[in-house]
Structures are given as structure tokens and as C-alpha cells.
Amino acid sequence: MSFETGPYLKAAVFCEKALREADGVLSLIRLVDRLTVSARGPGAPDAMPKTPYNITAVIMLTSGAARGRQEIKIETENPSGIRKQSVSATVQMEGEDRGANIVFDMHLTFEMEGLYWFHVYLDNTLLTKMPFRVMYARVSTGTEAPPSGS
């Protein structure tokens, strides 16, 4: 598949929320591309604990010459290179300037820090990749030693 005549990628972003207004207009709230996981205290683990996280992926397409039903899917690649399919949907391309806005509410669990890649496919052809960085901030506080007597 060649994307020279469409469909065209208008946007591929992560956000905290996508609102579809009554007139069909889409509003994207708080675009994000990174998450900082924090742990504090004397028992703060050295490695990042498994972290559940809800995020919204929005893919916006314009048809161009494309017509008909097509499948869009997102595959997640963790920092160690392991991939798995996360979500998929079917979209209808109507041609010309008509398009499709696909909103995926994703419920993820990040198991390690690092750079995650979200591969976006249209009918099994790579359309784009979306990066998402997970960072771990550990603040370990030990107990203070009592002052020595003089």
C-alpha cells in the first residue's frame, strides 16, 4: 500500500481525554508523550513497579483517493523490543476531504521505564510510529543516625 494518494495522516497523538462535541468536532485535552512514575520513602524500590495508566490515542485520517472499509490497529513495543497488539478498529474512507477520527481509550500497564513505541498500521501497512517515554523517579529516604554524644 502506498499513501501517495491517500489516506493521509492528519494527526497521531496521545492525550488525557478526547471530547467529541455534538457537532462532531473533536477536542483533544492535554497532549502527552511522557509519564514520570515516582516512589518515595525508605522502602522505595530500585526498579520501577508495574504502573497501570489510562491514555487516549487519537489517529486522524483524511481519505484522499482512499475509499471503503479499512482496519487500523496499534501495536505496542516496550523498551526491550517486545511487541503486542493493543487495539484495533475498522474505519470507513469516503474519499476526497472526508476522513476519520479514531479515538482509542487504552488501559496500559507499564512494566519498565524507557521508550515505548506505538506502531500504527492501516490494513497491515505501517502508517506511523508514536513514541511515549516512561521515566522512574526514586527518592529513598533512610533513617537518620542519632547525633553522637560529646
N, C-alpha and C. Protein backbone atom coordinates (compact mmCIF):
# COMPACT_ATOMS: atom_id res chain seq x y z
N MET A 1 0.85 -1.18 0.00
CA MET A 1 0.00 0.00 0.00
C MET A 1 0.89 1.24 0.00
N SER A 2 0.56 2.18 -0.84
CA SER A 2 1.26 3.46 -0.89
C SER A 2 0.30 4.54 -0.43
N PHE A 3 0.81 5.46 0.34
CA PHE A 3 -0.05 6.52 0.86
C PHE A 3 0.04 7.80 0.03
N GLU A 4 0.59 7.71 -1.18
CA GLU A 4 0.76 8.90 -2.02
C GLU A 4 -0.57 9.52 -2.43
N THR A 5 -1.62 8.71 -2.57
CA THR A 5 -2.93 9.24 -2.98
C THR A 5 -3.95 9.16 -1.85
N GLY A 6 -3.52 8.74 -0.68
CA GLY A 6 -4.40 8.67 0.48
C GLY A 6 -4.61 7.23 0.91
N PRO A 7 -5.06 7.06 2.10
CA PRO A 7 -5.41 8.13 3.04
C PRO A 7 -4.16 8.82 3.58
N TYR A 8 -4.37 10.03 4.05
CA TYR A 8 -3.29 10.85 4.60
C TYR A 8 -3.44 10.94 6.11
N LEU A 9 -2.31 10.90 6.79
CA LEU A 9 -2.30 11.04 8.24
C LEU A 9 -2.36 12.52 8.61
N LYS A 10 -3.40 12.91 9.31
CA LYS A 10 -3.55 14.29 9.76
C LYS A 10 -2.92 14.48 11.14
N ALA A 11 -3.10 13.49 12.03
CA ALA A 11 -2.53 13.57 13.38
C ALA A 11 -2.50 12.18 14.00
N ALA A 12 -1.49 11.96 14.86
CA ALA A 12 -1.39 10.74 15.66
C ALA A 12 -0.78 11.18 16.98
N VAL A 13 -1.62 11.28 18.01
CA VAL A 13 -1.18 11.83 19.29
C VAL A 13 -1.78 11.05 20.46
N PHE A 14 -1.12 11.23 21.63
CA PHE A 14 -1.67 10.75 22.89
C PHE A 14 -2.18 11.95 23.66
N CYS A 15 -3.30 11.77 24.35
CA CYS A 15 -3.83 12.84 25.19
C CYS A 15 -4.52 12.21 26.40
N GLU A 16 -4.84 13.06 27.35
CA GLU A 16 -5.55 12.55 28.54
C GLU A 16 -7.02 12.31 28.26
N LYS A 17 -7.59 13.10 27.33
CA LYS A 17 -9.01 12.96 27.04
C LYS A 17 -9.31 13.53 25.67
N ALA A 18 -10.24 12.90 24.96
CA ALA A 18 -10.73 13.41 23.68
C ALA A 18 -12.23 13.60 23.79
N LEU A 19 -12.69 14.80 23.54
CA LEU A 19 -14.11 15.12 23.63
C LEU A 19 -14.69 15.27 22.22
N ARG A 20 -15.75 14.54 21.94
CA ARG A 20 -16.44 14.68 20.66
C ARG A 20 -17.69 15.51 20.92
N GLU A 21 -17.68 16.72 20.40
CA GLU A 21 -18.78 17.66 20.63
C GLU A 21 -20.01 17.24 19.83
N ALA A 22 -21.16 17.84 20.13
CA ALA A 22 -22.42 17.50 19.48
C ALA A 22 -22.35 17.71 17.96
N ASP A 23 -21.54 18.69 17.52
CA ASP A 23 -21.43 18.96 16.08
C ASP A 23 -20.36 18.10 15.41
N GLY A 24 -19.80 17.14 16.14
CA GLY A 24 -18.81 16.23 15.58
C GLY A 24 -17.37 16.69 15.68
N VAL A 25 -17.14 17.90 16.18
CA VAL A 25 -15.79 18.43 16.31
C VAL A 25 -15.10 17.74 17.48
N LEU A 26 -13.83 17.41 17.28
CA LEU A 26 -13.05 16.70 18.28
C LEU A 26 -12.13 17.68 19.01
N SER A 27 -12.15 17.65 20.34
CA SER A 27 -11.24 18.47 21.16
C SER A 27 -10.31 17.52 21.92
N LEU A 28 -9.00 17.77 21.80
CA LEU A 28 -8.01 16.95 22.47
C LEU A 28 -7.50 17.70 23.69
N ILE A 29 -7.59 17.07 24.86
CA ILE A 29 -7.22 17.70 26.12
C ILE A 29 -5.91 17.12 26.63
N ARG A 30 -4.96 17.99 26.91
CA ARG A 30 -3.66 17.66 27.49
C ARG A 30 -2.90 16.62 26.68
N LEU A 31 -2.28 17.04 25.60
CA LEU A 31 -1.44 16.15 24.81
C LEU A 31 -0.24 15.73 25.65
N VAL A 32 0.07 14.44 25.64
CA VAL A 32 1.17 13.91 26.46
C VAL A 32 2.05 12.99 25.63
N ASP A 33 3.34 12.94 25.99
CA ASP A 33 4.24 11.99 25.34
C ASP A 33 5.22 11.38 26.33
N ARG A 34 4.97 11.63 27.64
CA ARG A 34 5.81 11.02 28.67
C ARG A 34 5.06 10.94 29.99
N LEU A 35 5.52 10.00 30.80
CA LEU A 35 4.94 9.76 32.12
C LEU A 35 6.09 9.58 33.09
N THR A 36 6.02 10.27 34.24
CA THR A 36 7.00 10.07 35.29
C THR A 36 6.34 9.34 36.45
N VAL A 37 6.87 8.18 36.77
CA VAL A 37 6.39 7.38 37.90
C VAL A 37 7.31 7.68 39.06
N SER A 38 6.73 8.03 40.22
CA SER A 38 7.53 8.40 41.40
C SER A 38 7.31 7.42 42.54
N ALA A 39 8.38 7.17 43.28
CA ALA A 39 8.30 6.38 44.50
C ALA A 39 9.17 7.07 45.54
N ARG A 40 8.64 7.24 46.75
CA ARG A 40 9.37 7.92 47.82
C ARG A 40 9.36 7.08 49.08
N GLY A 41 10.34 7.34 49.92
CA GLY A 41 10.37 6.70 51.22
C GLY A 41 11.50 5.71 51.36
N PRO A 42 11.69 5.19 52.58
CA PRO A 42 12.79 4.26 52.81
C PRO A 42 12.61 2.94 52.07
N GLY A 43 11.40 2.59 51.73
CA GLY A 43 11.15 1.33 51.03
C GLY A 43 10.96 1.50 49.53
N ALA A 44 11.32 2.66 48.98
CA ALA A 44 11.14 2.88 47.54
C ALA A 44 11.95 1.85 46.75
N PRO A 45 11.31 1.11 45.86
CA PRO A 45 12.02 0.05 45.13
C PRO A 45 13.06 0.61 44.15
N ASP A 46 14.11 -0.17 43.94
CA ASP A 46 15.15 0.23 42.98
C ASP A 46 14.60 0.25 41.56
N ALA A 47 13.79 -0.73 41.22
CA ALA A 47 13.21 -0.82 39.87
C ALA A 47 11.78 -0.28 39.90
N MET A 48 11.36 0.26 38.80
CA MET A 48 10.00 0.81 38.70
C MET A 48 8.98 -0.31 38.89
N PRO A 49 7.99 -0.07 39.76
CA PRO A 49 6.93 -1.06 39.92
C PRO A 49 5.99 -1.02 38.70
N LYS A 50 5.26 -2.11 38.47
CA LYS A 50 4.26 -2.12 37.40
C LYS A 50 3.30 -0.96 37.63
N THR A 51 3.03 -0.21 36.56
CA THR A 51 2.24 1.01 36.70
C THR A 51 1.08 1.00 35.71
N PRO A 52 -0.16 0.86 36.21
CA PRO A 52 -1.31 0.96 35.31
C PRO A 52 -1.50 2.43 34.90
N TYR A 53 -1.91 2.65 33.66
CA TYR A 53 -2.07 4.01 33.16
C TYR A 53 -3.11 4.02 32.05
N ASN A 54 -4.05 4.95 32.14
CA ASN A 54 -5.06 5.13 31.11
C ASN A 54 -4.66 6.30 30.23
N ILE A 55 -4.68 6.08 28.94
CA ILE A 55 -4.29 7.11 27.98
C ILE A 55 -5.19 6.98 26.76
N THR A 56 -5.36 8.08 26.06
CA THR A 56 -6.17 8.09 24.85
C THR A 56 -5.27 8.32 23.65
N ALA A 57 -5.35 7.45 22.67
CA ALA A 57 -4.62 7.62 21.41
C ALA A 57 -5.63 8.10 20.37
N VAL A 58 -5.26 9.14 19.64
CA VAL A 58 -6.13 9.69 18.60
C VAL A 58 -5.39 9.64 17.27
N ILE A 59 -6.01 9.00 16.29
CA ILE A 59 -5.48 8.93 14.94
C ILE A 59 -6.49 9.64 14.04
N MET A 60 -6.02 10.65 13.31
CA MET A 60 -6.90 11.40 12.41
C MET A 60 -6.42 11.20 10.97
N LEU A 61 -7.33 10.77 10.11
CA LEU A 61 -7.02 10.49 8.71
C LEU A 61 -7.88 11.32 7.78
N THR A 62 -7.34 11.66 6.61
CA THR A 62 -8.09 12.27 5.53
C THR A 62 -8.04 11.30 4.36
N SER A 63 -9.17 11.04 3.72
CA SER A 63 -9.27 9.97 2.72
C SER A 63 -8.42 10.16 1.47
N GLY A 64 -8.45 11.32 0.84
CA GLY A 64 -7.82 11.44 -0.47
C GLY A 64 -8.54 10.52 -1.43
N ALA A 65 -7.80 9.69 -2.15
CA ALA A 65 -8.41 8.76 -3.10
C ALA A 65 -8.90 7.47 -2.43
N ALA A 66 -8.60 7.28 -1.17
CA ALA A 66 -8.98 6.04 -0.47
C ALA A 66 -10.49 5.98 -0.27
N ARG A 67 -11.02 4.78 -0.53
CA ARG A 67 -12.45 4.57 -0.32
C ARG A 67 -12.65 3.17 0.26
N GLY A 68 -13.70 3.05 1.06
CA GLY A 68 -14.04 1.74 1.59
C GLY A 68 -13.56 1.53 3.02
N ARG A 69 -13.83 0.33 3.47
CA ARG A 69 -13.52 -0.04 4.86
C ARG A 69 -12.07 -0.48 4.98
N GLN A 70 -11.41 0.02 6.02
CA GLN A 70 -10.03 -0.35 6.29
C GLN A 70 -9.86 -0.58 7.79
N GLU A 71 -8.87 -1.41 8.13
CA GLU A 71 -8.60 -1.69 9.54
C GLU A 71 -7.40 -0.87 10.00
N ILE A 72 -7.56 -0.25 11.16
CA ILE A 72 -6.45 0.46 11.79
C ILE A 72 -6.17 -0.23 13.11
N LYS A 73 -4.88 -0.44 13.39
CA LYS A 73 -4.53 -1.10 14.66
C LYS A 73 -3.26 -0.47 15.20
N ILE A 74 -3.11 -0.59 16.51
CA ILE A 74 -1.92 -0.10 17.19
C ILE A 74 -1.26 -1.27 17.89
N GLU A 75 0.04 -1.39 17.66
CA GLU A 75 0.85 -2.43 18.29
C GLU A 75 1.85 -1.73 19.22
N THR A 76 1.95 -2.20 20.45
CA THR A 76 2.85 -1.60 21.44
C THR A 76 4.18 -2.34 21.46
N GLU A 77 5.27 -1.57 21.46
CA GLU A 77 6.62 -2.14 21.59
C GLU A 77 7.25 -1.57 22.85
N ASN A 78 7.59 -2.45 23.81
CA ASN A 78 8.19 -1.97 25.06
C ASN A 78 9.68 -1.69 24.85
N PRO A 79 10.35 -1.09 25.84
CA PRO A 79 11.76 -0.72 25.66
C PRO A 79 12.70 -1.89 25.36
N SER A 80 12.31 -3.12 25.71
CA SER A 80 13.16 -4.27 25.40
C SER A 80 12.87 -4.85 24.02
N GLY A 81 11.93 -4.25 23.27
CA GLY A 81 11.65 -4.67 21.90
C GLY A 81 10.52 -5.66 21.74
N ILE A 82 9.87 -6.04 22.82
CA ILE A 82 8.76 -7.00 22.74
C ILE A 82 7.51 -6.24 22.30
N ARG A 83 6.81 -6.82 21.30
CA ARG A 83 5.62 -6.19 20.74
C ARG A 83 4.37 -7.00 21.05
N LYS A 84 3.25 -6.27 21.16
CA LYS A 84 1.95 -6.93 21.27
C LYS A 84 0.89 -5.97 20.74
N GLN A 85 -0.17 -6.56 20.16
CA GLN A 85 -1.25 -5.72 19.64
C GLN A 85 -2.06 -5.18 20.81
N SER A 86 -2.36 -3.89 20.75
CA SER A 86 -3.11 -3.26 21.83
C SER A 86 -4.58 -3.08 21.48
N VAL A 87 -4.85 -2.40 20.36
CA VAL A 87 -6.22 -2.07 19.98
C VAL A 87 -6.35 -2.08 18.45
N SER A 88 -7.60 -2.23 17.98
CA SER A 88 -7.86 -2.13 16.55
C SER A 88 -9.30 -1.66 16.34
N ALA A 89 -9.55 -1.14 15.15
CA ALA A 89 -10.89 -0.66 14.79
C ALA A 89 -11.01 -0.66 13.27
N THR A 90 -12.22 -0.62 12.79
CA THR A 90 -12.48 -0.51 11.37
C THR A 90 -12.94 0.92 11.09
N VAL A 91 -12.40 1.51 10.00
CA VAL A 91 -12.78 2.86 9.61
C VAL A 91 -13.32 2.83 8.18
N GLN A 92 -14.18 3.79 7.88
CA GLN A 92 -14.76 3.90 6.55
C GLN A 92 -14.21 5.14 5.87
N MET A 93 -13.51 4.94 4.76
CA MET A 93 -12.97 6.06 3.98
C MET A 93 -13.99 6.42 2.90
N GLU A 94 -14.38 7.70 2.87
CA GLU A 94 -15.42 8.15 1.93
C GLU A 94 -14.85 8.94 0.76
N GLY A 95 -13.54 9.17 0.74
CA GLY A 95 -12.92 9.86 -0.38
C GLY A 95 -12.77 11.35 -0.17
N GLU A 96 -11.89 11.94 -0.99
CA GLU A 96 -11.61 13.38 -1.02
C GLU A 96 -11.19 13.91 0.35
N ASP A 97 -11.88 14.98 0.82
CA ASP A 97 -11.51 15.60 2.09
C ASP A 97 -12.17 14.94 3.29
N ARG A 98 -13.02 13.96 3.04
CA ARG A 98 -13.66 13.23 4.14
C ARG A 98 -12.61 12.37 4.82
N GLY A 99 -12.79 12.15 6.08
CA GLY A 99 -11.80 11.35 6.79
C GLY A 99 -12.41 10.63 7.96
N ALA A 100 -11.55 10.24 8.86
CA ALA A 100 -11.98 9.52 10.05
C ALA A 100 -11.10 9.93 11.22
N ASN A 101 -11.74 10.13 12.36
CA ASN A 101 -11.04 10.39 13.61
C ASN A 101 -11.26 9.17 14.50
N ILE A 102 -10.20 8.46 14.79
CA ILE A 102 -10.29 7.25 15.59
C ILE A 102 -9.75 7.54 16.98
N VAL A 103 -10.56 7.25 17.98
CA VAL A 103 -10.19 7.50 19.38
C VAL A 103 -10.13 6.15 20.09
N PHE A 104 -8.94 5.84 20.60
CA PHE A 104 -8.72 4.60 21.35
C PHE A 104 -8.49 4.94 22.81
N ASP A 105 -9.35 4.48 23.70
CA ASP A 105 -9.11 4.58 25.14
C ASP A 105 -8.29 3.35 25.52
N MET A 106 -7.04 3.59 25.88
CA MET A 106 -6.12 2.48 26.15
C MET A 106 -5.85 2.35 27.65
N HIS A 107 -5.94 1.12 28.13
CA HIS A 107 -5.67 0.81 29.53
C HIS A 107 -4.38 -0.02 29.54
N LEU A 108 -3.28 0.64 29.83
CA LEU A 108 -1.96 0.02 29.73
C LEU A 108 -1.37 -0.25 31.11
N THR A 109 -0.43 -1.16 31.16
CA THR A 109 0.39 -1.36 32.36
C THR A 109 1.84 -1.29 31.91
N PHE A 110 2.55 -0.27 32.37
CA PHE A 110 3.96 -0.12 32.05
C PHE A 110 4.75 -0.91 33.07
N GLU A 111 5.59 -1.82 32.59
CA GLU A 111 6.34 -2.71 33.47
C GLU A 111 7.79 -2.29 33.64
N MET A 112 8.24 -1.34 32.82
CA MET A 112 9.64 -0.88 32.91
C MET A 112 9.72 0.54 32.40
N GLU A 113 10.78 1.22 32.82
CA GLU A 113 10.98 2.57 32.30
C GLU A 113 11.68 2.49 30.95
N GLY A 114 11.55 3.56 30.19
CA GLY A 114 12.21 3.61 28.89
C GLY A 114 11.26 4.13 27.83
N LEU A 115 11.69 3.98 26.57
CA LEU A 115 10.93 4.49 25.44
C LEU A 115 10.05 3.38 24.86
N TYR A 116 8.76 3.62 24.85
CA TYR A 116 7.78 2.72 24.25
C TYR A 116 7.43 3.28 22.87
N TRP A 117 7.25 2.39 21.89
CA TRP A 117 6.83 2.80 20.56
C TRP A 117 5.47 2.18 20.28
N PHE A 118 4.58 2.98 19.74
CA PHE A 118 3.25 2.52 19.37
C PHE A 118 3.19 2.57 17.84
N HIS A 119 3.20 1.39 17.21
CA HIS A 119 3.20 1.26 15.76
C HIS A 119 1.75 1.31 15.28
N VAL A 120 1.45 2.23 14.38
CA VAL A 120 0.09 2.40 13.85
C VAL A 120 0.05 1.80 12.44
N TYR A 121 -0.83 0.83 12.24
CA TYR A 121 -0.96 0.16 10.95
C TYR A 121 -2.33 0.45 10.34
N LEU A 122 -2.33 0.61 9.03
CA LEU A 122 -3.58 0.71 8.27
C LEU A 122 -3.56 -0.43 7.28
N ASP A 123 -4.51 -1.36 7.41
CA ASP A 123 -4.53 -2.57 6.59
C ASP A 123 -3.17 -3.25 6.55
N ASN A 124 -2.57 -3.44 7.71
CA ASN A 124 -1.30 -4.15 7.89
C ASN A 124 -0.08 -3.46 7.27
N THR A 125 -0.21 -2.19 6.89
CA THR A 125 0.92 -1.41 6.41
C THR A 125 1.22 -0.33 7.44
N LEU A 126 2.49 -0.22 7.82
CA LEU A 126 2.88 0.77 8.82
C LEU A 126 2.55 2.18 8.34
N LEU A 127 1.77 2.90 9.11
CA LEU A 127 1.37 4.27 8.80
C LEU A 127 2.28 5.27 9.51
N THR A 128 2.53 5.03 10.81
CA THR A 128 3.42 5.89 11.59
C THR A 128 3.76 5.19 12.90
N LYS A 129 4.69 5.78 13.64
CA LYS A 129 5.03 5.31 14.99
C LYS A 129 4.87 6.48 15.94
N MET A 130 4.36 6.20 17.14
CA MET A 130 4.16 7.21 18.17
C MET A 130 5.05 6.87 19.37
N PRO A 131 5.96 7.76 19.76
CA PRO A 131 6.81 7.48 20.93
C PRO A 131 6.13 7.89 22.22
N PHE A 132 6.43 7.16 23.30
CA PHE A 132 5.94 7.51 24.64
C PHE A 132 7.01 7.10 25.63
N ARG A 133 7.55 8.06 26.38
CA ARG A 133 8.65 7.81 27.33
C ARG A 133 8.08 7.64 28.73
N VAL A 134 8.53 6.57 29.43
CA VAL A 134 8.18 6.33 30.83
C VAL A 134 9.46 6.47 31.64
N MET A 135 9.43 7.35 32.65
CA MET A 135 10.60 7.59 33.49
C MET A 135 10.25 7.22 34.93
N TYR A 136 11.26 6.79 35.66
CA TYR A 136 11.08 6.40 37.07
C TYR A 136 11.93 7.30 37.94
N ALA A 137 11.28 7.97 38.89
CA ALA A 137 11.98 8.85 39.83
C ALA A 137 11.86 8.23 41.22
N ARG A 138 13.00 7.80 41.77
CA ARG A 138 13.03 7.15 43.08
C ARG A 138 13.71 8.07 44.07
N VAL A 139 13.02 8.36 45.17
CA VAL A 139 13.60 9.17 46.24
C VAL A 139 13.57 8.31 47.49
N SER A 140 14.74 7.81 47.85
CA SER A 140 14.85 6.94 49.02
C SER A 140 15.30 7.78 50.21
N THR A 141 14.52 7.70 51.27
CA THR A 141 14.88 8.43 52.49
C THR A 141 15.19 7.42 53.58
N GLY A 142 16.44 7.39 53.98
CA GLY A 142 16.85 6.48 55.05
C GLY A 142 16.57 7.11 56.41
N THR A 143 16.71 6.33 57.46
CA THR A 143 16.54 6.89 58.80
C THR A 143 17.82 7.60 59.19
N GLU A 144 17.66 8.70 59.86
CA GLU A 144 18.84 9.47 60.28
C GLU A 144 19.49 8.82 61.50
N ALA A 145 20.79 8.83 61.50
CA ALA A 145 21.53 8.30 62.65
C ALA A 145 21.43 9.31 63.81
N PRO A 146 21.28 8.82 65.05
CA PRO A 146 21.20 9.77 66.16
C PRO A 146 22.52 10.51 66.29
N PRO A 147 22.45 11.77 66.72
CA PRO A 147 23.71 12.53 66.90
C PRO A 147 24.57 11.87 67.94
N SER A 148 25.88 11.87 67.70
CA SER A 148 26.81 11.26 68.66
C SER A 148 27.00 12.20 69.83
N GLY A 149 27.07 11.63 70.99
CA GLY A 149 27.23 12.45 72.23
C GLY A 149 28.65 12.94 72.41
N SER A 150 28.82 14.11 73.02
CA SER A 150 30.16 14.59 73.27
C SER A 150 30.39 14.76 74.72
